[in-house]
Amino acid sequence: MALSKVDFNNINVTPAASKALKFNSAADGFETGDLSGNMVLLSTQTASSSATVDFTSSIDSTYKEYVFKFIDIHAASGNADFTVNFRDGGSNFDATKTTTTFTVSHTEADGGDGLTYRGAKDLAQSTSDQPLAQEVSADNDGSTNGYLHLFDPANTTFVKQFTGVSNSYHVGNQTFAIYYAGYCNVTAAIDGVRFKMSSGNIDAGTIKMYGIL
């Protein structure tokens, strides 16, 4: 049985955090870098009584998909929605959107379970903020977690689609899962993403932005 062997001189690479060892573009040596399918952390922001959390850089044609993970988002005011909006080249976060959303819920008292289309929380050609989590509790132990996928935001031919899921501690003492999807009905590039509460501040929490190779 024949054995393959590495016969390259160029294998002197410098270790780099969160990078992998791979062949270089000439296929005659090794280098450190990102592998296809990897999530590349681009930015981390921590809220602290923040009116908004904005991502306005590194959203470009480098990646075809961006993922935002929101972790332990705590609302300053109860019964508010955690929302998102998009910037399409101007100075405002007001891209025109059409969206849909449904919820799944279950109370601590083992009741109130249901699957519900939430027509009041979706948008039709609207520039308003899109709820990602709805009617969240501001109790000390309450929080919201989830993710948002934004696809090909730099494309100037097609609308910009997004999908995601969140789960939150609802004001009704229940777990409240939200499934949402939609598109920014613009052909201009999306170059900014804003997270905020529908009322009050984001008291605490972390939001991370990743690029997907």
N, C-alpha and C. Protein backbone atom coordinates (compact mmCIF):
# COMPACT_ATOMS: atom_id res chain seq x y z
N MET A 1 0.84 -1.18 0.00
CA MET A 1 0.00 0.00 0.00
C MET A 1 0.88 1.24 0.00
N ALA A 2 0.64 2.10 -0.96
CA ALA A 2 1.45 3.32 -1.08
C ALA A 2 1.06 4.31 0.00
N LEU A 3 2.04 5.03 0.47
CA LEU A 3 1.81 6.06 1.47
C LEU A 3 2.04 7.43 0.86
N SER A 4 1.09 8.33 1.07
CA SER A 4 1.28 9.70 0.62
C SER A 4 2.14 10.42 1.64
N LYS A 5 2.94 11.34 1.17
CA LYS A 5 3.77 12.08 2.11
C LYS A 5 3.77 13.56 1.75
N VAL A 6 4.02 14.37 2.74
CA VAL A 6 4.13 15.81 2.54
C VAL A 6 5.57 16.11 2.17
N ASP A 7 5.77 16.75 1.04
CA ASP A 7 7.12 17.04 0.57
C ASP A 7 7.25 18.53 0.26
N PHE A 8 6.73 19.37 1.20
CA PHE A 8 6.77 20.80 1.00
C PHE A 8 7.81 21.43 1.93
N ASN A 9 8.48 22.45 1.41
CA ASN A 9 9.40 23.20 2.26
C ASN A 9 8.67 24.26 3.08
N ASN A 10 7.57 24.75 2.54
CA ASN A 10 6.87 25.86 3.16
C ASN A 10 5.84 25.37 4.16
N ILE A 11 6.31 24.91 5.30
CA ILE A 11 5.38 24.47 6.35
C ILE A 11 5.66 25.21 7.66
N ASN A 12 6.38 26.32 7.54
CA ASN A 12 6.70 27.11 8.72
C ASN A 12 5.60 28.16 8.91
N VAL A 13 4.59 27.86 9.72
CA VAL A 13 3.46 28.76 9.90
C VAL A 13 3.46 29.30 11.33
N THR A 14 2.91 30.46 11.48
CA THR A 14 2.79 31.09 12.80
C THR A 14 1.42 30.78 13.37
N PRO A 15 1.34 30.17 14.55
CA PRO A 15 0.03 29.88 15.14
C PRO A 15 -0.79 31.14 15.31
N ALA A 16 -2.09 31.04 15.06
CA ALA A 16 -3.00 32.17 15.22
C ALA A 16 -4.28 31.67 15.88
N ALA A 17 -4.73 32.40 16.87
CA ALA A 17 -5.94 32.01 17.60
C ALA A 17 -7.13 31.94 16.67
N SER A 18 -7.93 30.89 16.85
CA SER A 18 -9.18 30.69 16.11
C SER A 18 -8.97 30.48 14.62
N LYS A 19 -7.73 30.12 14.21
CA LYS A 19 -7.44 29.85 12.81
C LYS A 19 -7.05 28.38 12.65
N ALA A 20 -7.16 27.91 11.41
CA ALA A 20 -6.85 26.51 11.12
C ALA A 20 -5.62 26.43 10.20
N LEU A 21 -5.00 25.26 10.16
CA LEU A 21 -3.90 25.00 9.24
C LEU A 21 -4.49 24.49 7.94
N LYS A 22 -4.09 25.12 6.81
CA LYS A 22 -4.67 24.73 5.52
C LYS A 22 -3.62 24.92 4.42
N PHE A 23 -3.90 24.36 3.24
CA PHE A 23 -3.04 24.59 2.09
C PHE A 23 -3.18 26.03 1.63
N ASN A 24 -2.10 26.60 1.12
CA ASN A 24 -2.17 27.96 0.58
C ASN A 24 -2.80 27.94 -0.80
N SER A 25 -2.96 29.13 -1.39
CA SER A 25 -3.67 29.23 -2.67
C SER A 25 -2.92 28.55 -3.82
N ALA A 26 -1.61 28.42 -3.69
CA ALA A 26 -0.82 27.74 -4.73
C ALA A 26 -0.74 26.24 -4.52
N ALA A 27 -1.28 25.77 -3.41
CA ALA A 27 -1.27 24.33 -3.08
C ALA A 27 0.14 23.76 -3.01
N ASP A 28 1.09 24.61 -2.61
CA ASP A 28 2.46 24.12 -2.48
C ASP A 28 3.03 24.36 -1.09
N GLY A 29 2.16 24.66 -0.14
CA GLY A 29 2.60 24.90 1.22
C GLY A 29 1.41 25.08 2.14
N PHE A 30 1.71 25.33 3.39
CA PHE A 30 0.65 25.49 4.38
C PHE A 30 0.61 26.93 4.88
N GLU A 31 -0.56 27.31 5.38
CA GLU A 31 -0.73 28.61 6.00
C GLU A 31 -1.84 28.50 7.03
N THR A 32 -1.93 29.49 7.91
CA THR A 32 -3.05 29.56 8.85
C THR A 32 -4.11 30.47 8.26
N GLY A 33 -5.37 30.12 8.49
CA GLY A 33 -6.47 30.93 7.95
C GLY A 33 -7.80 30.32 8.31
N ASP A 34 -8.84 30.85 7.66
CA ASP A 34 -10.21 30.39 7.90
C ASP A 34 -10.58 29.30 6.90
N LEU A 35 -11.34 28.34 7.35
CA LEU A 35 -11.83 27.28 6.49
C LEU A 35 -13.28 27.53 6.11
N SER A 36 -13.68 27.10 4.94
CA SER A 36 -15.06 27.28 4.48
C SER A 36 -16.03 26.65 5.46
N GLY A 37 -17.10 27.37 5.77
CA GLY A 37 -18.09 26.89 6.72
C GLY A 37 -17.85 27.38 8.13
N ASN A 38 -16.70 27.98 8.37
CA ASN A 38 -16.40 28.48 9.70
C ASN A 38 -17.19 29.73 10.03
N MET A 39 -17.47 29.90 11.32
CA MET A 39 -18.02 31.15 11.82
C MET A 39 -16.85 32.01 12.30
N VAL A 40 -16.72 33.20 11.73
CA VAL A 40 -15.63 34.10 12.08
C VAL A 40 -16.21 35.23 12.94
N LEU A 41 -15.78 35.31 14.17
CA LEU A 41 -16.27 36.36 15.06
C LEU A 41 -15.73 37.71 14.60
N LEU A 42 -16.63 38.63 14.29
CA LEU A 42 -16.24 39.94 13.78
C LEU A 42 -16.37 41.04 14.81
N SER A 43 -17.34 40.93 15.69
CA SER A 43 -17.57 42.00 16.66
C SER A 43 -18.38 41.48 17.84
N THR A 44 -18.07 42.00 19.01
CA THR A 44 -18.83 41.70 20.23
C THR A 44 -19.17 43.02 20.91
N GLN A 45 -20.44 43.20 21.25
CA GLN A 45 -20.85 44.41 21.96
C GLN A 45 -21.62 44.01 23.20
N THR A 46 -21.37 44.72 24.28
CA THR A 46 -22.02 44.47 25.55
C THR A 46 -22.90 45.67 25.91
N ALA A 47 -24.17 45.41 26.12
CA ALA A 47 -25.11 46.48 26.46
C ALA A 47 -25.04 46.78 27.95
N SER A 48 -25.20 48.06 28.28
CA SER A 48 -25.28 48.49 29.67
C SER A 48 -26.15 49.75 29.70
N SER A 49 -27.43 49.55 29.99
CA SER A 49 -28.41 50.65 29.93
C SER A 49 -28.32 51.34 28.58
N SER A 50 -28.29 50.56 27.51
CA SER A 50 -28.07 51.07 26.15
C SER A 50 -29.39 51.29 25.43
N ALA A 51 -29.54 52.47 24.83
CA ALA A 51 -30.73 52.74 24.03
C ALA A 51 -30.73 51.89 22.77
N THR A 52 -29.55 51.70 22.16
CA THR A 52 -29.41 50.86 20.98
C THR A 52 -28.07 50.14 21.05
N VAL A 53 -27.97 49.04 20.31
CA VAL A 53 -26.69 48.38 20.04
C VAL A 53 -26.58 48.29 18.52
N ASP A 54 -25.63 49.03 17.95
CA ASP A 54 -25.51 49.15 16.51
C ASP A 54 -24.26 48.46 15.99
N PHE A 55 -24.41 47.77 14.87
CA PHE A 55 -23.28 47.20 14.14
C PHE A 55 -23.22 47.92 12.80
N THR A 56 -22.17 48.72 12.58
CA THR A 56 -22.09 49.56 11.40
C THR A 56 -20.80 49.38 10.62
N SER A 57 -20.02 48.37 10.96
CA SER A 57 -18.81 48.08 10.20
C SER A 57 -18.68 46.58 10.00
N SER A 58 -17.89 46.20 9.01
CA SER A 58 -17.63 44.79 8.67
C SER A 58 -18.84 44.07 8.09
N ILE A 59 -19.89 44.81 7.73
CA ILE A 59 -21.03 44.21 7.03
C ILE A 59 -20.88 44.59 5.56
N ASP A 60 -20.32 43.69 4.78
CA ASP A 60 -19.98 44.01 3.40
C ASP A 60 -19.98 42.73 2.57
N SER A 61 -19.30 42.75 1.45
CA SER A 61 -19.31 41.60 0.54
C SER A 61 -18.33 40.50 0.94
N THR A 62 -17.64 40.68 2.05
CA THR A 62 -16.67 39.67 2.49
C THR A 62 -17.36 38.33 2.75
N TYR A 63 -18.55 38.38 3.31
CA TYR A 63 -19.28 37.17 3.66
C TYR A 63 -20.67 37.19 3.03
N LYS A 64 -21.16 36.01 2.65
CA LYS A 64 -22.50 35.88 2.08
C LYS A 64 -23.56 35.73 3.15
N GLU A 65 -23.15 35.45 4.38
CA GLU A 65 -24.10 35.29 5.48
C GLU A 65 -23.48 35.85 6.75
N TYR A 66 -24.30 36.54 7.51
CA TYR A 66 -23.89 37.06 8.82
C TYR A 66 -24.85 36.51 9.87
N VAL A 67 -24.30 36.16 11.03
CA VAL A 67 -25.10 35.65 12.13
C VAL A 67 -24.89 36.56 13.34
N PHE A 68 -25.99 36.97 13.94
CA PHE A 68 -25.96 37.74 15.18
C PHE A 68 -26.52 36.87 16.29
N LYS A 69 -25.75 36.70 17.35
CA LYS A 69 -26.20 35.95 18.52
C LYS A 69 -26.41 36.92 19.66
N PHE A 70 -27.61 36.92 20.22
CA PHE A 70 -27.87 37.78 21.38
C PHE A 70 -28.04 36.91 22.60
N ILE A 71 -27.31 37.27 23.65
CA ILE A 71 -27.12 36.40 24.81
C ILE A 71 -27.48 37.16 26.08
N ASP A 72 -28.40 36.60 26.85
CA ASP A 72 -28.82 37.17 28.13
C ASP A 72 -29.18 38.65 28.01
N ILE A 73 -30.03 38.95 27.04
CA ILE A 73 -30.53 40.31 26.88
C ILE A 73 -31.56 40.58 27.98
N HIS A 74 -31.29 41.58 28.81
CA HIS A 74 -32.19 41.91 29.91
C HIS A 74 -32.79 43.29 29.65
N ALA A 75 -34.11 43.35 29.70
CA ALA A 75 -34.82 44.60 29.43
C ALA A 75 -34.92 45.45 30.68
N ALA A 76 -34.80 46.77 30.51
CA ALA A 76 -35.00 47.67 31.62
C ALA A 76 -36.48 47.84 31.95
N SER A 77 -37.34 47.67 30.94
CA SER A 77 -38.79 47.83 31.13
C SER A 77 -39.51 46.57 30.71
N GLY A 78 -40.44 46.10 31.54
CA GLY A 78 -41.19 44.89 31.23
C GLY A 78 -42.23 45.11 30.15
N ASN A 79 -42.62 44.02 29.51
CA ASN A 79 -43.64 44.01 28.46
C ASN A 79 -43.18 44.74 27.20
N ALA A 80 -41.88 44.85 27.01
CA ALA A 80 -41.33 45.46 25.80
C ALA A 80 -40.87 44.36 24.84
N ASP A 81 -40.72 44.72 23.57
CA ASP A 81 -40.20 43.81 22.55
C ASP A 81 -38.72 44.12 22.30
N PHE A 82 -37.94 43.09 22.09
CA PHE A 82 -36.57 43.23 21.64
C PHE A 82 -36.60 43.23 20.12
N THR A 83 -36.06 44.26 19.47
CA THR A 83 -36.29 44.47 18.04
C THR A 83 -35.00 44.63 17.25
N VAL A 84 -35.15 44.58 15.92
CA VAL A 84 -34.04 44.81 15.00
C VAL A 84 -34.51 45.73 13.87
N ASN A 85 -33.57 46.48 13.32
CA ASN A 85 -33.82 47.21 12.09
C ASN A 85 -32.51 47.31 11.31
N PHE A 86 -32.62 47.73 10.05
CA PHE A 86 -31.49 47.64 9.12
C PHE A 86 -31.25 48.98 8.43
N ARG A 87 -30.00 49.27 8.17
CA ARG A 87 -29.60 50.48 7.44
C ARG A 87 -29.23 50.11 6.01
N ASP A 88 -29.77 50.83 5.05
CA ASP A 88 -29.54 50.50 3.64
C ASP A 88 -28.81 51.62 2.90
N GLY A 89 -27.71 52.06 3.48
CA GLY A 89 -26.85 53.02 2.81
C GLY A 89 -26.99 54.45 3.28
N GLY A 90 -28.08 54.77 3.95
CA GLY A 90 -28.27 56.11 4.47
C GLY A 90 -27.76 56.23 5.89
N SER A 91 -28.34 57.16 6.64
CA SER A 91 -27.93 57.35 8.03
C SER A 91 -28.93 56.75 9.01
N ASN A 92 -30.10 56.35 8.52
CA ASN A 92 -31.16 55.84 9.39
C ASN A 92 -31.29 54.33 9.27
N PHE A 93 -31.77 53.71 10.34
CA PHE A 93 -32.06 52.27 10.34
C PHE A 93 -33.55 52.13 10.06
N ASP A 94 -33.90 52.13 8.78
CA ASP A 94 -35.31 52.18 8.39
C ASP A 94 -35.57 51.49 7.05
N ALA A 95 -34.85 50.41 6.79
CA ALA A 95 -35.08 49.68 5.54
C ALA A 95 -36.51 49.15 5.49
N THR A 96 -37.13 49.20 4.33
CA THR A 96 -38.49 48.70 4.15
C THR A 96 -38.49 47.18 4.25
N LYS A 97 -39.39 46.65 5.09
CA LYS A 97 -39.38 45.20 5.38
C LYS A 97 -40.79 44.61 5.27
N THR A 98 -40.82 43.35 4.84
CA THR A 98 -42.03 42.52 4.94
C THR A 98 -41.63 41.26 5.69
N THR A 99 -42.38 40.93 6.75
CA THR A 99 -41.96 39.85 7.65
C THR A 99 -43.14 39.00 8.10
N THR A 100 -42.82 37.89 8.74
CA THR A 100 -43.84 37.04 9.34
C THR A 100 -43.28 36.45 10.62
N THR A 101 -44.16 36.12 11.57
CA THR A 101 -43.70 35.62 12.86
C THR A 101 -44.75 34.75 13.52
N PHE A 102 -44.30 33.71 14.22
CA PHE A 102 -45.21 32.92 15.04
C PHE A 102 -44.52 32.55 16.34
N THR A 103 -45.32 32.21 17.33
CA THR A 103 -44.79 31.94 18.66
C THR A 103 -45.23 30.57 19.16
N VAL A 104 -44.43 30.02 20.06
CA VAL A 104 -44.76 28.80 20.79
C VAL A 104 -44.53 29.12 22.26
N SER A 105 -45.50 28.77 23.13
CA SER A 105 -45.39 29.18 24.53
C SER A 105 -45.85 28.06 25.46
N HIS A 106 -45.38 28.16 26.73
CA HIS A 106 -45.77 27.22 27.76
C HIS A 106 -45.49 27.86 29.11
N THR A 107 -46.49 27.88 29.99
CA THR A 107 -46.34 28.57 31.27
C THR A 107 -45.70 27.68 32.32
N GLU A 108 -45.23 28.33 33.39
CA GLU A 108 -44.67 27.60 34.52
C GLU A 108 -45.72 26.75 35.23
N ALA A 109 -46.99 27.13 35.08
CA ALA A 109 -48.08 26.38 35.71
C ALA A 109 -48.58 25.25 34.81
N ASP A 110 -47.78 24.93 33.76
CA ASP A 110 -48.10 23.84 32.84
C ASP A 110 -49.39 24.12 32.06
N GLY A 111 -49.56 25.35 31.65
CA GLY A 111 -50.72 25.73 30.86
C GLY A 111 -50.33 26.75 29.82
N GLY A 112 -51.34 27.31 29.18
CA GLY A 112 -51.12 28.37 28.21
C GLY A 112 -50.30 27.96 27.01
N ASP A 113 -50.19 26.66 26.79
CA ASP A 113 -49.38 26.21 25.67
C ASP A 113 -50.12 26.45 24.37
N GLY A 114 -49.38 26.80 23.34
CA GLY A 114 -50.01 27.03 22.05
C GLY A 114 -49.02 27.45 20.99
N LEU A 115 -49.47 27.29 19.76
CA LEU A 115 -48.73 27.71 18.58
C LEU A 115 -49.58 28.79 17.92
N THR A 116 -49.03 30.02 17.80
CA THR A 116 -49.85 31.15 17.39
C THR A 116 -49.15 31.98 16.33
N TYR A 117 -49.86 32.27 15.24
CA TYR A 117 -49.38 33.26 14.29
C TYR A 117 -49.64 34.63 14.87
N ARG A 118 -48.60 35.46 14.95
CA ARG A 118 -48.71 36.76 15.59
C ARG A 118 -48.75 37.86 14.53
N GLY A 119 -49.93 38.04 13.95
CA GLY A 119 -50.08 39.03 12.89
C GLY A 119 -49.78 40.45 13.33
N ALA A 120 -50.00 40.73 14.61
CA ALA A 120 -49.75 42.09 15.11
C ALA A 120 -48.26 42.39 15.21
N LYS A 121 -47.42 41.37 15.11
CA LYS A 121 -45.98 41.56 15.26
C LYS A 121 -45.22 41.44 13.95
N ASP A 122 -45.92 41.26 12.83
CA ASP A 122 -45.22 41.20 11.56
C ASP A 122 -45.37 42.54 10.84
N LEU A 123 -44.69 42.68 9.73
CA LEU A 123 -44.65 43.94 9.00
C LEU A 123 -45.00 43.72 7.54
N ALA A 124 -45.60 44.72 6.91
CA ALA A 124 -45.91 44.68 5.48
C ALA A 124 -45.44 45.99 4.86
N GLN A 125 -44.33 45.94 4.17
CA GLN A 125 -43.73 47.12 3.54
C GLN A 125 -43.60 48.26 4.54
N SER A 126 -43.00 47.96 5.66
CA SER A 126 -42.88 48.90 6.76
C SER A 126 -41.42 49.21 7.07
N THR A 127 -41.18 50.42 7.52
CA THR A 127 -39.84 50.80 7.97
C THR A 127 -39.68 50.66 9.48
N SER A 128 -40.72 50.16 10.16
CA SER A 128 -40.69 50.02 11.62
C SER A 128 -39.71 48.92 12.05
N ASP A 129 -39.39 48.90 13.34
CA ASP A 129 -38.53 47.86 13.90
C ASP A 129 -39.26 46.52 13.90
N GLN A 130 -38.52 45.43 13.64
CA GLN A 130 -39.08 44.09 13.66
C GLN A 130 -38.85 43.45 15.02
N PRO A 131 -39.91 43.02 15.73
CA PRO A 131 -39.72 42.32 17.01
C PRO A 131 -39.02 40.97 16.81
N LEU A 132 -38.00 40.74 17.64
CA LEU A 132 -37.31 39.45 17.68
C LEU A 132 -37.73 38.64 18.90
N ALA A 133 -38.09 39.33 19.96
CA ALA A 133 -38.64 38.72 21.17
C ALA A 133 -39.76 39.63 21.65
N GLN A 134 -40.82 39.02 22.17
CA GLN A 134 -42.03 39.79 22.41
C GLN A 134 -42.45 39.76 23.87
N GLU A 135 -42.81 40.94 24.37
CA GLU A 135 -43.39 41.08 25.71
C GLU A 135 -42.50 40.41 26.77
N VAL A 136 -41.26 40.80 26.77
CA VAL A 136 -40.29 40.16 27.65
C VAL A 136 -40.43 40.68 29.08
N SER A 137 -40.04 39.86 30.03
CA SER A 137 -40.08 40.24 31.43
C SER A 137 -38.83 41.03 31.80
N ALA A 138 -39.00 42.00 32.70
CA ALA A 138 -37.87 42.74 33.24
C ALA A 138 -37.49 42.24 34.63
N ASP A 139 -38.04 41.08 35.04
CA ASP A 139 -37.65 40.50 36.33
C ASP A 139 -36.13 40.30 36.37
N ASN A 140 -35.57 40.31 37.56
CA ASN A 140 -34.12 40.21 37.70
C ASN A 140 -33.53 38.97 37.04
N ASP A 141 -34.30 37.87 37.03
CA ASP A 141 -33.78 36.62 36.46
C ASP A 141 -34.28 36.39 35.03
N GLY A 142 -34.93 37.38 34.44
CA GLY A 142 -35.45 37.23 33.08
C GLY A 142 -34.44 37.65 32.02
N SER A 143 -34.45 36.96 30.89
CA SER A 143 -33.57 37.34 29.79
C SER A 143 -34.09 36.77 28.49
N THR A 144 -33.48 37.22 27.40
CA THR A 144 -33.80 36.75 26.04
C THR A 144 -32.53 36.27 25.38
N ASN A 145 -32.61 35.14 24.68
CA ASN A 145 -31.49 34.60 23.93
C ASN A 145 -31.97 34.16 22.55
N GLY A 146 -31.08 34.23 21.57
CA GLY A 146 -31.47 33.79 20.23
C GLY A 146 -30.46 34.20 19.19
N TYR A 147 -30.90 34.11 17.91
CA TYR A 147 -29.99 34.43 16.83
C TYR A 147 -30.76 34.98 15.63
N LEU A 148 -30.04 35.71 14.81
CA LEU A 148 -30.56 36.29 13.58
C LEU A 148 -29.58 35.98 12.46
N HIS A 149 -30.07 35.42 11.36
CA HIS A 149 -29.26 35.20 10.16
C HIS A 149 -29.64 36.25 9.12
N LEU A 150 -28.63 36.95 8.60
CA LEU A 150 -28.82 37.92 7.53
C LEU A 150 -28.02 37.44 6.32
N PHE A 151 -28.72 37.30 5.18
CA PHE A 151 -28.11 36.68 4.01
C PHE A 151 -27.70 37.71 2.95
N ASP A 152 -26.46 37.62 2.52
CA ASP A 152 -25.91 38.37 1.39
C ASP A 152 -26.28 39.86 1.43
N PRO A 153 -25.94 40.56 2.51
CA PRO A 153 -26.39 41.94 2.66
C PRO A 153 -25.80 42.91 1.64
N ALA A 154 -24.65 42.57 1.03
CA ALA A 154 -24.03 43.48 0.06
C ALA A 154 -24.58 43.31 -1.35
N ASN A 155 -25.43 42.33 -1.56
CA ASN A 155 -25.99 42.09 -2.89
C ASN A 155 -26.84 43.27 -3.32
N THR A 156 -26.68 43.74 -4.55
CA THR A 156 -27.46 44.87 -5.05
C THR A 156 -28.45 44.47 -6.14
N THR A 157 -28.72 43.16 -6.23
CA THR A 157 -29.70 42.66 -7.20
C THR A 157 -30.97 42.18 -6.52
N PHE A 158 -30.81 41.44 -5.41
CA PHE A 158 -31.94 40.81 -4.76
C PHE A 158 -32.29 41.50 -3.45
N VAL A 159 -33.51 41.23 -2.97
CA VAL A 159 -33.89 41.68 -1.63
C VAL A 159 -33.03 40.94 -0.61
N LYS A 160 -32.95 41.47 0.61
CA LYS A 160 -32.07 40.91 1.64
C LYS A 160 -32.90 40.15 2.67
N GLN A 161 -32.76 38.84 2.69
CA GLN A 161 -33.59 38.01 3.54
C GLN A 161 -32.92 37.73 4.88
N PHE A 162 -33.77 37.53 5.90
CA PHE A 162 -33.26 37.21 7.23
C PHE A 162 -34.23 36.24 7.91
N THR A 163 -33.69 35.42 8.80
CA THR A 163 -34.48 34.47 9.56
C THR A 163 -33.90 34.40 10.97
N GLY A 164 -34.68 33.84 11.91
CA GLY A 164 -34.13 33.67 13.24
C GLY A 164 -35.10 33.11 14.24
N VAL A 165 -34.59 32.85 15.42
CA VAL A 165 -35.36 32.29 16.53
C VAL A 165 -34.89 32.96 17.82
N SER A 166 -35.83 33.18 18.73
CA SER A 166 -35.45 33.64 20.07
C SER A 166 -36.29 32.92 21.10
N ASN A 167 -35.81 32.89 22.31
CA ASN A 167 -36.61 32.42 23.44
C ASN A 167 -36.42 33.39 24.59
N SER A 168 -37.51 33.70 25.26
CA SER A 168 -37.43 34.68 26.34
C SER A 168 -38.31 34.28 27.51
N TYR A 169 -38.00 34.89 28.64
CA TYR A 169 -38.84 34.78 29.83
C TYR A 169 -39.91 35.85 29.68
N HIS A 170 -41.12 35.41 29.41
CA HIS A 170 -42.24 36.29 29.08
C HIS A 170 -42.87 36.86 30.35
N VAL A 171 -43.53 38.02 30.21
CA VAL A 171 -44.18 38.64 31.37
C VAL A 171 -45.24 37.74 31.99
N GLY A 172 -45.74 36.77 31.22
CA GLY A 172 -46.75 35.86 31.74
C GLY A 172 -46.16 34.64 32.43
N ASN A 173 -44.91 34.74 32.89
CA ASN A 173 -44.22 33.63 33.55
C ASN A 173 -44.25 32.36 32.69
N GLN A 174 -43.76 32.53 31.49
CA GLN A 174 -43.75 31.41 30.55
C GLN A 174 -42.54 31.50 29.63
N THR A 175 -42.17 30.35 29.08
CA THR A 175 -41.16 30.37 28.03
C THR A 175 -41.87 30.73 26.74
N PHE A 176 -41.26 31.63 25.98
CA PHE A 176 -41.92 32.21 24.82
C PHE A 176 -40.93 32.18 23.66
N ALA A 177 -41.11 31.22 22.77
CA ALA A 177 -40.22 31.07 21.62
C ALA A 177 -40.81 31.79 20.41
N ILE A 178 -39.98 32.55 19.74
CA ILE A 178 -40.40 33.33 18.58
C ILE A 178 -39.65 32.85 17.34
N TYR A 179 -40.38 32.58 16.29
CA TYR A 179 -39.79 32.25 14.99
C TYR A 179 -40.16 33.37 14.03
N TYR A 180 -39.16 33.96 13.40
CA TYR A 180 -39.44 35.10 12.53
C TYR A 180 -38.61 34.99 11.25
N ALA A 181 -39.11 35.63 10.21
CA ALA A 181 -38.41 35.66 8.93
C ALA A 181 -38.96 36.82 8.12
N GLY A 182 -38.18 37.25 7.15
CA GLY A 182 -38.64 38.34 6.30
C GLY A 182 -37.55 38.77 5.35
N TYR A 183 -37.80 39.90 4.71
CA TYR A 183 -36.80 40.46 3.82
C TYR A 183 -36.87 41.98 3.83
N CYS A 184 -35.71 42.58 3.65
CA CYS A 184 -35.64 44.01 3.40
C CYS A 184 -35.89 44.20 1.90
N ASN A 185 -36.97 44.86 1.58
CA ASN A 185 -37.38 44.98 0.18
C ASN A 185 -36.65 46.15 -0.49
N VAL A 186 -35.33 46.02 -0.52
CA VAL A 186 -34.47 47.02 -1.15
C VAL A 186 -33.38 46.29 -1.93
N THR A 187 -32.90 46.91 -2.99
CA THR A 187 -31.76 46.34 -3.72
C THR A 187 -30.46 47.02 -3.30
N ALA A 188 -30.55 48.09 -2.53
CA ALA A 188 -29.34 48.69 -1.98
C ALA A 188 -28.73 47.75 -0.95
N ALA A 189 -27.43 47.84 -0.76
CA ALA A 189 -26.75 47.00 0.22
C ALA A 189 -27.19 47.37 1.64
N ILE A 190 -27.32 46.36 2.48
CA ILE A 190 -27.54 46.58 3.91
C ILE A 190 -26.17 46.71 4.56
N ASP A 191 -25.92 47.83 5.23
CA ASP A 191 -24.59 48.06 5.80
C ASP A 191 -24.62 48.35 7.29
N GLY A 192 -25.76 48.14 7.93
CA GLY A 192 -25.84 48.36 9.36
C GLY A 192 -27.03 47.64 9.96
N VAL A 193 -26.89 47.21 11.21
CA VAL A 193 -27.95 46.49 11.92
C VAL A 193 -28.06 47.09 13.32
N ARG A 194 -29.28 47.40 13.74
CA ARG A 194 -29.52 48.01 15.06
C ARG A 194 -30.46 47.14 15.89
N PHE A 195 -30.09 46.91 17.14
CA PHE A 195 -30.93 46.21 18.10
C PHE A 195 -31.36 47.20 19.18
N LYS A 196 -32.61 47.10 19.62
CA LYS A 196 -33.11 47.98 20.67
C LYS A 196 -34.37 47.37 21.27
N MET A 197 -34.83 47.95 22.37
CA MET A 197 -36.11 47.57 22.95
C MET A 197 -37.19 48.52 22.42
N SER A 198 -38.41 48.03 22.33
CA SER A 198 -39.50 48.88 21.85
C SER A 198 -39.82 49.99 22.84
N SER A 199 -39.49 49.80 24.10
CA SER A 199 -39.57 50.85 25.11
C SER A 199 -38.52 50.58 26.17
N GLY A 200 -37.92 51.63 26.69
CA GLY A 200 -36.85 51.46 27.67
C GLY A 200 -35.55 51.03 27.01
N ASN A 201 -34.54 50.85 27.83
CA ASN A 201 -33.21 50.49 27.35
C ASN A 201 -32.98 48.98 27.39
N ILE A 202 -31.89 48.57 26.74
CA ILE A 202 -31.34 47.24 26.96
C ILE A 202 -30.49 47.35 28.21
N ASP A 203 -30.98 46.80 29.30
CA ASP A 203 -30.29 46.95 30.58
C ASP A 203 -28.93 46.24 30.57
N ALA A 204 -28.88 45.05 30.00
CA ALA A 204 -27.63 44.28 29.95
C ALA A 204 -27.75 43.23 28.87
N GLY A 205 -26.62 42.64 28.51
CA GLY A 205 -26.62 41.57 27.52
C GLY A 205 -25.46 41.72 26.55
N THR A 206 -25.23 40.67 25.79
CA THR A 206 -24.14 40.63 24.82
C THR A 206 -24.68 40.25 23.45
N ILE A 207 -24.20 40.93 22.42
CA ILE A 207 -24.56 40.59 21.04
C ILE A 207 -23.26 40.40 20.25
N LYS A 208 -23.17 39.27 19.56
CA LYS A 208 -21.98 38.93 18.77
C LYS A 208 -22.36 38.85 17.30
N MET A 209 -21.49 39.34 16.44
CA MET A 209 -21.68 39.27 14.99
C MET A 209 -20.60 38.37 14.39
N TYR A 210 -21.04 37.39 13.59
CA TYR A 210 -20.14 36.45 12.94
C TYR A 210 -20.33 36.55 11.41
N GLY A 211 -19.26 36.35 10.68
CA GLY A 211 -19.33 36.11 9.26
C GLY A 211 -19.19 34.64 8.98
N ILE A 212 -19.96 34.13 8.02
CA ILE A 212 -19.94 32.72 7.66
C ILE A 212 -19.23 32.55 6.31
N LEU A 213 -18.14 31.81 6.32
CA LEU A 213 -17.37 31.60 5.10
C LEU A 213 -18.08 30.65 4.15
